[in-house]
């Protein structure tokens, strides 16, 4: 996904999400804390 990709769930969801980054960079924001995930 290019940088227009964005998911926002203000009420959360029941399940966990697990990801493995292969290339590029994504971000996660949980309870206001932003973290970056990179390849590997």
ModelCIF file with pLDDT and N, C-alpha, C, O atoms, coordinates in Angstrom:
data_MODEL
#
_entry.id   MODEL 
#
_entity.id                         1 
_entity.type                       polymer 
_entity.pdbx_number_of_molecules   1 
#
_entity_poly.entity_id                      1 
_entity_poly.type                           'polypeptide(L)' 
_entity_poly.nstd_linkage                   no 
_entity_poly.nstd_monomer                   no 
_entity_poly.pdbx_seq_one_letter_code       
;(UNK)(UNK)(UNK)(UNK)(UNK)(UNK)(UNK)(UNK)(UNK)(UNK)(UNK)(UNK)(UNK)(UNK)(UNK)(UNK)
(UNK)(UNK)(UNK)(UNK)(UNK)(UNK)(UNK)(UNK)(UNK)(UNK)(UNK)(UNK)(UNK)(UNK)(UNK)(UNK)
(UNK)(UNK)(UNK)(UNK)(UNK)(UNK)(UNK)(UNK)
;
_entity_poly.pdbx_seq_one_letter_code_can   XXXXXXXXXXXXXXXXXXXXXXXXXXXXXXXXXXXXXXXX 
_entity_poly.pdbx_strand_id                 A 
#
loop_
_entity_poly_seq.entity_id 
_entity_poly_seq.num 
_entity_poly_seq.mon_id 
_entity_poly_seq.hetero 
1 1  UNK n 
1 2  UNK n 
1 3  UNK n 
1 4  UNK n 
1 5  UNK n 
1 6  UNK n 
1 7  UNK n 
1 8  UNK n 
1 9  UNK n 
1 10 UNK n 
1 11 UNK n 
1 12 UNK n 
1 13 UNK n 
1 14 UNK n 
1 15 UNK n 
1 16 UNK n 
1 17 UNK n 
1 18 UNK n 
1 19 UNK n 
1 20 UNK n 
1 21 UNK n 
1 22 UNK n 
1 23 UNK n 
1 24 UNK n 
1 25 UNK n 
1 26 UNK n 
1 27 UNK n 
1 28 UNK n 
1 29 UNK n 
1 30 UNK n 
1 31 UNK n 
1 32 UNK n 
1 33 UNK n 
1 34 UNK n 
1 35 UNK n 
1 36 UNK n 
1 37 UNK n 
1 38 UNK n 
1 39 UNK n 
1 40 UNK n 
#
_struct_asym.id          A 
_struct_asym.entity_id   1 
#
loop_
_ma_qa_metric.id 
_ma_qa_metric.mode 
_ma_qa_metric.name 
_ma_qa_metric.software_group_id 
_ma_qa_metric.type 
1 global pLDDT . pLDDT 
2 local  pLDDT . pLDDT 
#
_ma_qa_metric_global.metric_id      1 
_ma_qa_metric_global.metric_value   94.38 
_ma_qa_metric_global.model_id       1 
_ma_qa_metric_global.ordinal_id     1 
#
loop_
_ma_qa_metric_local.label_asym_id 
_ma_qa_metric_local.label_comp_id 
_ma_qa_metric_local.label_seq_id 
_ma_qa_metric_local.metric_id 
_ma_qa_metric_local.metric_value 
_ma_qa_metric_local.model_id 
_ma_qa_metric_local.ordinal_id 
A UNK 1  2 97.00 1 1  
A UNK 2  2 96.00 1 2  
A UNK 3  2 94.00 1 3  
A UNK 4  2 95.00 1 4  
A UNK 5  2 97.00 1 5  
A UNK 6  2 96.00 1 6  
A UNK 7  2 95.00 1 7  
A UNK 8  2 94.00 1 8  
A UNK 9  2 93.00 1 9  
A UNK 10 2 92.00 1 10 
A UNK 11 2 91.00 1 11 
A UNK 12 2 91.00 1 12 
A UNK 13 2 90.00 1 13 
A UNK 14 2 88.00 1 14 
A UNK 15 2 92.00 1 15 
A UNK 16 2 93.00 1 16 
A UNK 17 2 95.00 1 17 
A UNK 18 2 96.00 1 18 
A UNK 19 2 97.00 1 19 
A UNK 20 2 98.00 1 20 
A UNK 21 2 98.00 1 21 
A UNK 22 2 98.00 1 22 
A UNK 23 2 97.00 1 23 
A UNK 24 2 97.00 1 24 
A UNK 25 2 97.00 1 25 
A UNK 26 2 97.00 1 26 
A UNK 27 2 97.00 1 27 
A UNK 28 2 97.00 1 28 
A UNK 29 2 95.00 1 29 
A UNK 30 2 92.00 1 30 
A UNK 31 2 83.00 1 31 
A UNK 32 2 86.00 1 32 
A UNK 33 2 91.00 1 33 
A UNK 34 2 94.00 1 34 
A UNK 35 2 96.00 1 35 
A UNK 36 2 96.00 1 36 
A UNK 37 2 96.00 1 37 
A UNK 38 2 96.00 1 38 
A UNK 39 2 97.00 1 39 
A UNK 40 2 95.00 1 40 
#
loop_
_atom_site.group_PDB 
_atom_site.id 
_atom_site.type_symbol 
_atom_site.label_atom_id 
_atom_site.label_alt_id 
_atom_site.label_comp_id 
_atom_site.label_asym_id 
_atom_site.label_entity_id 
_atom_site.label_seq_id 
_atom_site.pdbx_PDB_ins_code 
_atom_site.Cartn_x 
_atom_site.Cartn_y 
_atom_site.Cartn_z 
_atom_site.occupancy 
_atom_site.B_iso_or_equiv 
_atom_site.pdbx_formal_charge 
_atom_site.auth_seq_id 
_atom_site.auth_comp_id 
_atom_site.auth_asym_id 
_atom_site.auth_atom_id 
_atom_site.pdbx_PDB_model_num 
ATOM 1   N N  . UNK A 1 1  ? 0.810   -1.207 0.000  1.00 97.00 ? 1  UNK A N  1 
ATOM 2   C CA . UNK A 1 1  ? 0.000   0.000  0.000  1.00 97.00 ? 1  UNK A CA 1 
ATOM 3   C C  . UNK A 1 1  ? 0.850   1.267  0.000  1.00 97.00 ? 1  UNK A C  1 
ATOM 4   O O  . UNK A 1 1  ? 1.839   1.368  0.725  1.00 97.00 ? 1  UNK A O  1 
ATOM 5   N N  . UNK A 1 2  ? 0.449   2.225  -0.820 1.00 96.00 ? 2  UNK A N  1 
ATOM 6   C CA . UNK A 1 2  ? 1.111   3.534  -0.841 1.00 96.00 ? 2  UNK A CA 1 
ATOM 7   C C  . UNK A 1 2  ? 0.624   4.362  0.339  1.00 96.00 ? 2  UNK A C  1 
ATOM 8   O O  . UNK A 1 2  ? -0.193  3.901  1.136  1.00 96.00 ? 2  UNK A O  1 
ATOM 9   N N  . UNK A 1 3  ? 1.133   5.596  0.449  1.00 94.00 ? 3  UNK A N  1 
ATOM 10  C CA . UNK A 1 3  ? 0.903   6.355  1.675  1.00 94.00 ? 3  UNK A CA 1 
ATOM 11  C C  . UNK A 1 3  ? -0.496  6.944  1.812  1.00 94.00 ? 3  UNK A C  1 
ATOM 12  O O  . UNK A 1 3  ? -0.759  7.678  2.764  1.00 94.00 ? 3  UNK A O  1 
ATOM 13  N N  . UNK A 1 4  ? -1.413  6.633  0.865  1.00 95.00 ? 4  UNK A N  1 
ATOM 14  C CA . UNK A 1 4  ? -2.807  7.015  1.082  1.00 95.00 ? 4  UNK A CA 1 
ATOM 15  C C  . UNK A 1 4  ? -3.534  6.008  1.991  1.00 95.00 ? 4  UNK A C  1 
ATOM 16  O O  . UNK A 1 4  ? -4.645  6.265  2.454  1.00 95.00 ? 4  UNK A O  1 
ATOM 17  N N  . UNK A 1 5  ? -2.888  4.862  2.236  1.00 97.00 ? 5  UNK A N  1 
ATOM 18  C CA . UNK A 1 5  ? -3.542  3.799  2.999  1.00 97.00 ? 5  UNK A CA 1 
ATOM 19  C C  . UNK A 1 5  ? -3.603  4.171  4.471  1.00 97.00 ? 5  UNK A C  1 
ATOM 20  O O  . UNK A 1 5  ? -2.589  4.509  5.081  1.00 97.00 ? 5  UNK A O  1 
ATOM 21  N N  . UNK A 1 6  ? -4.815  4.104  5.040  1.00 96.00 ? 6  UNK A N  1 
ATOM 22  C CA . UNK A 1 6  ? -5.004  4.500  6.432  1.00 96.00 ? 6  UNK A CA 1 
ATOM 23  C C  . UNK A 1 6  ? -6.241  3.794  6.970  1.00 96.00 ? 6  UNK A C  1 
ATOM 24  O O  . UNK A 1 6  ? -7.289  3.803  6.326  1.00 96.00 ? 6  UNK A O  1 
ATOM 25  N N  . UNK A 1 7  ? -6.128  3.192  8.131  1.00 95.00 ? 7  UNK A N  1 
ATOM 26  C CA . UNK A 1 7  ? -7.255  2.559  8.819  1.00 95.00 ? 7  UNK A CA 1 
ATOM 27  C C  . UNK A 1 7  ? -7.412  3.219  10.177 1.00 95.00 ? 7  UNK A C  1 
ATOM 28  O O  . UNK A 1 7  ? -6.443  3.383  10.918 1.00 95.00 ? 7  UNK A O  1 
ATOM 29  N N  . UNK A 1 8  ? -8.639  3.594  10.495 1.00 94.00 ? 8  UNK A N  1 
ATOM 30  C CA . UNK A 1 8  ? -8.914  4.298  11.753 1.00 94.00 ? 8  UNK A CA 1 
ATOM 31  C C  . UNK A 1 8  ? -10.071 3.586  12.450 1.00 94.00 ? 8  UNK A C  1 
ATOM 32  O O  . UNK A 1 8  ? -11.167 3.493  11.896 1.00 94.00 ? 8  UNK A O  1 
ATOM 33  N N  . UNK A 1 9  ? -9.832  3.084  13.662 1.00 93.00 ? 9  UNK A N  1 
ATOM 34  C CA . UNK A 1 9  ? -10.892 2.427  14.426 1.00 93.00 ? 9  UNK A CA 1 
ATOM 35  C C  . UNK A 1 9  ? -10.959 3.092  15.809 1.00 93.00 ? 9  UNK A C  1 
ATOM 36  O O  . UNK A 1 9  ? -10.308 2.623  16.743 1.00 93.00 ? 9  UNK A O  1 
ATOM 37  N N  . UNK A 1 10 ? -11.718 4.153  15.953 1.00 92.00 ? 10 UNK A N  1 
ATOM 38  C CA . UNK A 1 10 ? -11.771 4.869  17.247 1.00 92.00 ? 10 UNK A CA 1 
ATOM 39  C C  . UNK A 1 10 ? -12.363 4.044  18.370 1.00 92.00 ? 10 UNK A C  1 
ATOM 40  O O  . UNK A 1 10 ? -12.128 4.340  19.541 1.00 92.00 ? 10 UNK A O  1 
ATOM 41  N N  . UNK A 1 11 ? -13.129 3.012  18.036 1.00 91.00 ? 11 UNK A N  1 
ATOM 42  C CA . UNK A 1 11 ? -13.701 2.141  19.067 1.00 91.00 ? 11 UNK A CA 1 
ATOM 43  C C  . UNK A 1 11 ? -12.965 0.815  19.176 1.00 91.00 ? 11 UNK A C  1 
ATOM 44  O O  . UNK A 1 11 ? -13.389 -0.074 19.914 1.00 91.00 ? 11 UNK A O  1 
ATOM 45  N N  . UNK A 1 12 ? -11.852 0.678  18.437 1.00 91.00 ? 12 UNK A N  1 
ATOM 46  C CA . UNK A 1 12 ? -11.117 -0.579 18.459 1.00 91.00 ? 12 UNK A CA 1 
ATOM 47  C C  . UNK A 1 12 ? -11.885 -1.693 17.786 1.00 91.00 ? 12 UNK A C  1 
ATOM 48  O O  . UNK A 1 12 ? -12.816 -1.440 17.020 1.00 91.00 ? 12 UNK A O  1 
ATOM 49  N N  . UNK A 1 13 ? -11.501 -2.922 18.067 1.00 90.00 ? 13 UNK A N  1 
ATOM 50  C CA . UNK A 1 13 ? -12.189 -4.104 17.551 1.00 90.00 ? 13 UNK A CA 1 
ATOM 51  C C  . UNK A 1 13 ? -11.919 -5.239 18.527 1.00 90.00 ? 13 UNK A C  1 
ATOM 52  O O  . UNK A 1 13 ? -11.110 -5.087 19.443 1.00 90.00 ? 13 UNK A O  1 
ATOM 53  N N  . UNK A 1 14 ? -12.572 -6.353 18.347 1.00 88.00 ? 14 UNK A N  1 
ATOM 54  C CA . UNK A 1 14 ? -12.397 -7.452 19.295 1.00 88.00 ? 14 UNK A CA 1 
ATOM 55  C C  . UNK A 1 14 ? -11.073 -8.176 19.077 1.00 88.00 ? 14 UNK A C  1 
ATOM 56  O O  . UNK A 1 14 ? -10.376 -8.486 20.043 1.00 88.00 ? 14 UNK A O  1 
ATOM 57  N N  . UNK A 1 15 ? -10.720 -8.447 17.838 1.00 92.00 ? 15 UNK A N  1 
ATOM 58  C CA . UNK A 1 15 ? -9.553  -9.279 17.540 1.00 92.00 ? 15 UNK A CA 1 
ATOM 59  C C  . UNK A 1 15 ? -8.246  -8.510 17.631 1.00 92.00 ? 15 UNK A C  1 
ATOM 60  O O  . UNK A 1 15 ? -8.224  -7.279 17.610 1.00 92.00 ? 15 UNK A O  1 
ATOM 61  N N  . UNK A 1 16 ? -7.156  -9.264 17.733 1.00 93.00 ? 16 UNK A N  1 
ATOM 62  C CA . UNK A 1 16 ? -5.808  -8.720 17.580 1.00 93.00 ? 16 UNK A CA 1 
ATOM 63  C C  . UNK A 1 16 ? -5.465  -8.685 16.092 1.00 93.00 ? 16 UNK A C  1 
ATOM 64  O O  . UNK A 1 16 ? -6.026  -9.431 15.289 1.00 93.00 ? 16 UNK A O  1 
ATOM 65  N N  . UNK A 1 17 ? -4.538  -7.806 15.748 1.00 95.00 ? 17 UNK A N  1 
ATOM 66  C CA . UNK A 1 17 ? -3.982  -7.775 14.399 1.00 95.00 ? 17 UNK A CA 1 
ATOM 67  C C  . UNK A 1 17 ? -2.494  -8.090 14.491 1.00 95.00 ? 17 UNK A C  1 
ATOM 68  O O  . UNK A 1 17 ? -1.768  -7.490 15.284 1.00 95.00 ? 17 UNK A O  1 
ATOM 69  N N  . UNK A 1 18 ? -2.050  -9.038 13.673 1.00 96.00 ? 18 UNK A N  1 
ATOM 70  C CA . UNK A 1 18 ? -0.623  -9.374 13.609 1.00 96.00 ? 18 UNK A CA 1 
ATOM 71  C C  . UNK A 1 18 ? -0.135  -9.074 12.202 1.00 96.00 ? 18 UNK A C  1 
ATOM 72  O O  . UNK A 1 18 ? -0.769  -9.479 11.228 1.00 96.00 ? 18 UNK A O  1 
ATOM 73  N N  . UNK A 1 19 ? 0.981   -8.372 12.082 1.00 97.00 ? 19 UNK A N  1 
ATOM 74  C CA . UNK A 1 19 ? 1.550   -8.074 10.763 1.00 97.00 ? 19 UNK A CA 1 
ATOM 75  C C  . UNK A 1 19 ? 3.040   -8.398 10.757 1.00 97.00 ? 19 UNK A C  1 
ATOM 76  O O  . UNK A 1 19 ? 3.707   -8.346 11.790 1.00 97.00 ? 19 UNK A O  1 
ATOM 77  N N  . UNK A 1 20 ? 3.540   -8.728 9.587  1.00 98.00 ? 20 UNK A N  1 
ATOM 78  C CA . UNK A 1 20 ? 4.980   -8.867 9.360  1.00 98.00 ? 20 UNK A CA 1 
ATOM 79  C C  . UNK A 1 20 ? 5.329   -7.982 8.176  1.00 98.00 ? 20 UNK A C  1 
ATOM 80  O O  . UNK A 1 20 ? 4.859   -8.212 7.062  1.00 98.00 ? 20 UNK A O  1 
ATOM 81  N N  . UNK A 1 21 ? 6.150   -6.975 8.417  1.00 98.00 ? 21 UNK A N  1 
ATOM 82  C CA . UNK A 1 21 ? 6.526   -6.037 7.361  1.00 98.00 ? 21 UNK A CA 1 
ATOM 83  C C  . UNK A 1 21 ? 7.642   -6.637 6.513  1.00 98.00 ? 21 UNK A C  1 
ATOM 84  O O  . UNK A 1 21 ? 8.674   -7.068 7.029  1.00 98.00 ? 21 UNK A O  1 
ATOM 85  N N  . UNK A 1 22 ? 7.414   -6.654 5.211  1.00 98.00 ? 22 UNK A N  1 
ATOM 86  C CA . UNK A 1 22 ? 8.388   -7.215 4.276  1.00 98.00 ? 22 UNK A CA 1 
ATOM 87  C C  . UNK A 1 22 ? 9.266   -6.125 3.678  1.00 98.00 ? 22 UNK A C  1 
ATOM 88  O O  . UNK A 1 22 ? 10.479  -6.292 3.558  1.00 98.00 ? 22 UNK A O  1 
ATOM 89  N N  . UNK A 1 23 ? 8.650   -5.012 3.305  1.00 97.00 ? 23 UNK A N  1 
ATOM 90  C CA . UNK A 1 23 ? 9.390   -3.863 2.744  1.00 97.00 ? 23 UNK A CA 1 
ATOM 91  C C  . UNK A 1 23 ? 8.661   -2.586 3.123  1.00 97.00 ? 23 UNK A C  1 
ATOM 92  O O  . UNK A 1 23 ? 7.475   -2.597 3.449  1.00 97.00 ? 23 UNK A O  1 
ATOM 93  N N  . UNK A 1 24 ? 9.405   -1.476 3.070  1.00 97.00 ? 24 UNK A N  1 
ATOM 94  C CA . UNK A 1 24 ? 8.796   -0.181 3.336  1.00 97.00 ? 24 UNK A CA 1 
ATOM 95  C C  . UNK A 1 24 ? 8.542   0.051  4.814  1.00 97.00 ? 24 UNK A C  1 
ATOM 96  O O  . UNK A 1 24 ? 9.105   -0.630 5.671  1.00 97.00 ? 24 UNK A O  1 
ATOM 97  N N  . UNK A 1 25 ? 7.676   1.033  5.100  1.00 97.00 ? 25 UNK A N  1 
ATOM 98  C CA . UNK A 1 25 ? 7.394   1.405  6.483  1.00 97.00 ? 25 UNK A CA 1 
ATOM 99  C C  . UNK A 1 25 ? 5.910   1.657  6.684  1.00 97.00 ? 25 UNK A C  1 
ATOM 100 O O  . UNK A 1 25 ? 5.242   2.256  5.840  1.00 97.00 ? 25 UNK A O  1 
ATOM 101 N N  . UNK A 1 26 ? 5.411   1.190  7.814  1.00 97.00 ? 26 UNK A N  1 
ATOM 102 C CA . UNK A 1 26 ? 4.058   1.498  8.233  1.00 97.00 ? 26 UNK A CA 1 
ATOM 103 C C  . UNK A 1 26 ? 4.085   2.106  9.623  1.00 97.00 ? 26 UNK A C  1 
ATOM 104 O O  . UNK A 1 26 ? 5.125   2.124  10.281 1.00 97.00 ? 26 UNK A O  1 
ATOM 105 N N  . UNK A 1 27 ? 2.949   2.601  10.063 1.00 97.00 ? 27 UNK A N  1 
ATOM 106 C CA . UNK A 1 27 ? 2.871   3.162  11.405 1.00 97.00 ? 27 UNK A CA 1 
ATOM 107 C C  . UNK A 1 27 ? 1.649   2.577  12.121 1.00 97.00 ? 27 UNK A C  1 
ATOM 108 O O  . UNK A 1 27 ? 0.676   2.160  11.492 1.00 97.00 ? 27 UNK A O  1 
ATOM 109 N N  . UNK A 1 28 ? 1.728   2.561  13.433 1.00 97.00 ? 28 UNK A N  1 
ATOM 110 C CA . UNK A 1 28 ? 0.613   2.160  14.282 1.00 97.00 ? 28 UNK A CA 1 
ATOM 111 C C  . UNK A 1 28 ? 0.452   3.212  15.362 1.00 97.00 ? 28 UNK A C  1 
ATOM 112 O O  . UNK A 1 28 ? 1.435   3.692  15.927 1.00 97.00 ? 28 UNK A O  1 
ATOM 113 N N  . UNK A 1 29 ? -0.787  3.567  15.644 1.00 95.00 ? 29 UNK A N  1 
ATOM 114 C CA . UNK A 1 29 ? -1.098  4.473  16.743 1.00 95.00 ? 29 UNK A CA 1 
ATOM 115 C C  . UNK A 1 29 ? -2.107  3.776  17.626 1.00 95.00 ? 29 UNK A C  1 
ATOM 116 O O  . UNK A 1 29 ? -3.220  3.483  17.189 1.00 95.00 ? 29 UNK A O  1 
ATOM 117 N N  . UNK A 1 30 ? -1.728  3.507  18.867 1.00 92.00 ? 30 UNK A N  1 
ATOM 118 C CA . UNK A 1 30 ? -2.630  2.879  19.836 1.00 92.00 ? 30 UNK A CA 1 
ATOM 119 C C  . UNK A 1 30 ? -2.658  3.733  21.082 1.00 92.00 ? 30 UNK A C  1 
ATOM 120 O O  . UNK A 1 30 ? -1.617  4.009  21.678 1.00 92.00 ? 30 UNK A O  1 
ATOM 121 N N  . UNK A 1 31 ? -3.857  4.155  21.481 1.00 83.00 ? 31 UNK A N  1 
ATOM 122 C CA . UNK A 1 31 ? -4.031  5.039  22.653 1.00 83.00 ? 31 UNK A CA 1 
ATOM 123 C C  . UNK A 1 31 ? -3.132  6.264  22.561 1.00 83.00 ? 31 UNK A C  1 
ATOM 124 O O  . UNK A 1 31 ? -2.574  6.713  23.563 1.00 83.00 ? 31 UNK A O  1 
ATOM 125 N N  . UNK A 1 32 ? -2.997  6.802  21.355 1.00 86.00 ? 32 UNK A N  1 
ATOM 126 C CA . UNK A 1 32 ? -2.255  8.034  21.143 1.00 86.00 ? 32 UNK A CA 1 
ATOM 127 C C  . UNK A 1 32 ? -0.765  7.881  20.962 1.00 86.00 ? 32 UNK A C  1 
ATOM 128 O O  . UNK A 1 32 ? -0.086  8.869  20.686 1.00 86.00 ? 32 UNK A O  1 
ATOM 129 N N  . UNK A 1 33 ? -0.223  6.677  21.107 1.00 91.00 ? 33 UNK A N  1 
ATOM 130 C CA . UNK A 1 33 ? 1.224   6.447  20.958 1.00 91.00 ? 33 UNK A CA 1 
ATOM 131 C C  . UNK A 1 33 ? 1.500   5.942  19.545 1.00 91.00 ? 33 UNK A C  1 
ATOM 132 O O  . UNK A 1 33 ? 0.923   4.946  19.107 1.00 91.00 ? 33 UNK A O  1 
ATOM 133 N N  . UNK A 1 34 ? 2.388   6.640  18.840 1.00 94.00 ? 34 UNK A N  1 
ATOM 134 C CA . UNK A 1 34 ? 2.721   6.295  17.460 1.00 94.00 ? 34 UNK A CA 1 
ATOM 135 C C  . UNK A 1 34 ? 4.031   5.507  17.409 1.00 94.00 ? 34 UNK A C  1 
ATOM 136 O O  . UNK A 1 34 ? 5.019   5.889  18.036 1.00 94.00 ? 34 UNK A O  1 
ATOM 137 N N  . UNK A 1 35 ? 4.029   4.405  16.657 1.00 96.00 ? 35 UNK A N  1 
ATOM 138 C CA . UNK A 1 35 ? 5.223   3.590  16.457 1.00 96.00 ? 35 UNK A CA 1 
ATOM 139 C C  . UNK A 1 35 ? 5.373   3.266  14.977 1.00 96.00 ? 35 UNK A C  1 
ATOM 140 O O  . UNK A 1 35 ? 4.390   3.178  14.242 1.00 96.00 ? 35 UNK A O  1 
ATOM 141 N N  . UNK A 1 36 ? 6.619   3.089  14.555 1.00 96.00 ? 36 UNK A N  1 
ATOM 142 C CA . UNK A 1 36 ? 6.926   2.784  13.165 1.00 96.00 ? 36 UNK A CA 1 
ATOM 143 C C  . UNK A 1 36 ? 7.364   1.322  13.050 1.00 96.00 ? 36 UNK A C  1 
ATOM 144 O O  . UNK A 1 36 ? 8.137   0.832  13.873 1.00 96.00 ? 36 UNK A O  1 
ATOM 145 N N  . UNK A 1 37 ? 6.866   0.637  12.029 1.00 96.00 ? 37 UNK A N  1 
ATOM 146 C CA . UNK A 1 37 ? 7.341   -0.722 11.750 1.00 96.00 ? 37 UNK A CA 1 
ATOM 147 C C  . UNK A 1 37 ? 8.077   -0.706 10.414 1.00 96.00 ? 37 UNK A C  1 
ATOM 148 O O  . UNK A 1 37 ? 7.643   -0.074 9.451  1.00 96.00 ? 37 UNK A O  1 
ATOM 149 N N  . UNK A 1 38 ? 9.194   -1.412 10.383 1.00 96.00 ? 38 UNK A N  1 
ATOM 150 C CA . UNK A 1 38 ? 10.055  -1.467 9.202  1.00 96.00 ? 38 UNK A CA 1 
ATOM 151 C C  . UNK A 1 38 ? 10.246  -2.908 8.764  1.00 96.00 ? 38 UNK A C  1 
ATOM 152 O O  . UNK A 1 38 ? 9.751   -3.834 9.408  1.00 96.00 ? 38 UNK A O  1 
ATOM 153 N N  . UNK A 1 39 ? 10.966  -3.093 7.665  1.00 97.00 ? 39 UNK A N  1 
ATOM 154 C CA . UNK A 1 39 ? 11.175  -4.429 7.121  1.00 97.00 ? 39 UNK A CA 1 
ATOM 155 C C  . UNK A 1 39 ? 11.737  -5.358 8.194  1.00 97.00 ? 39 UNK A C  1 
ATOM 156 O O  . UNK A 1 39 ? 12.721  -5.028 8.856  1.00 97.00 ? 39 UNK A O  1 
ATOM 157 N N  . UNK A 1 40 ? 11.110  -6.519 8.361  1.00 95.00 ? 40 UNK A N  1 
ATOM 158 C CA . UNK A 1 40 ? 11.553  -7.494 9.346  1.00 95.00 ? 40 UNK A CA 1 
ATOM 159 C C  . UNK A 1 40 ? 10.883  -7.352 10.692 1.00 95.00 ? 40 UNK A C  1 
ATOM 160 O O  . UNK A 1 40 ? 11.173  -8.118 11.611 1.00 95.00 ? 40 UNK A O  1 
#
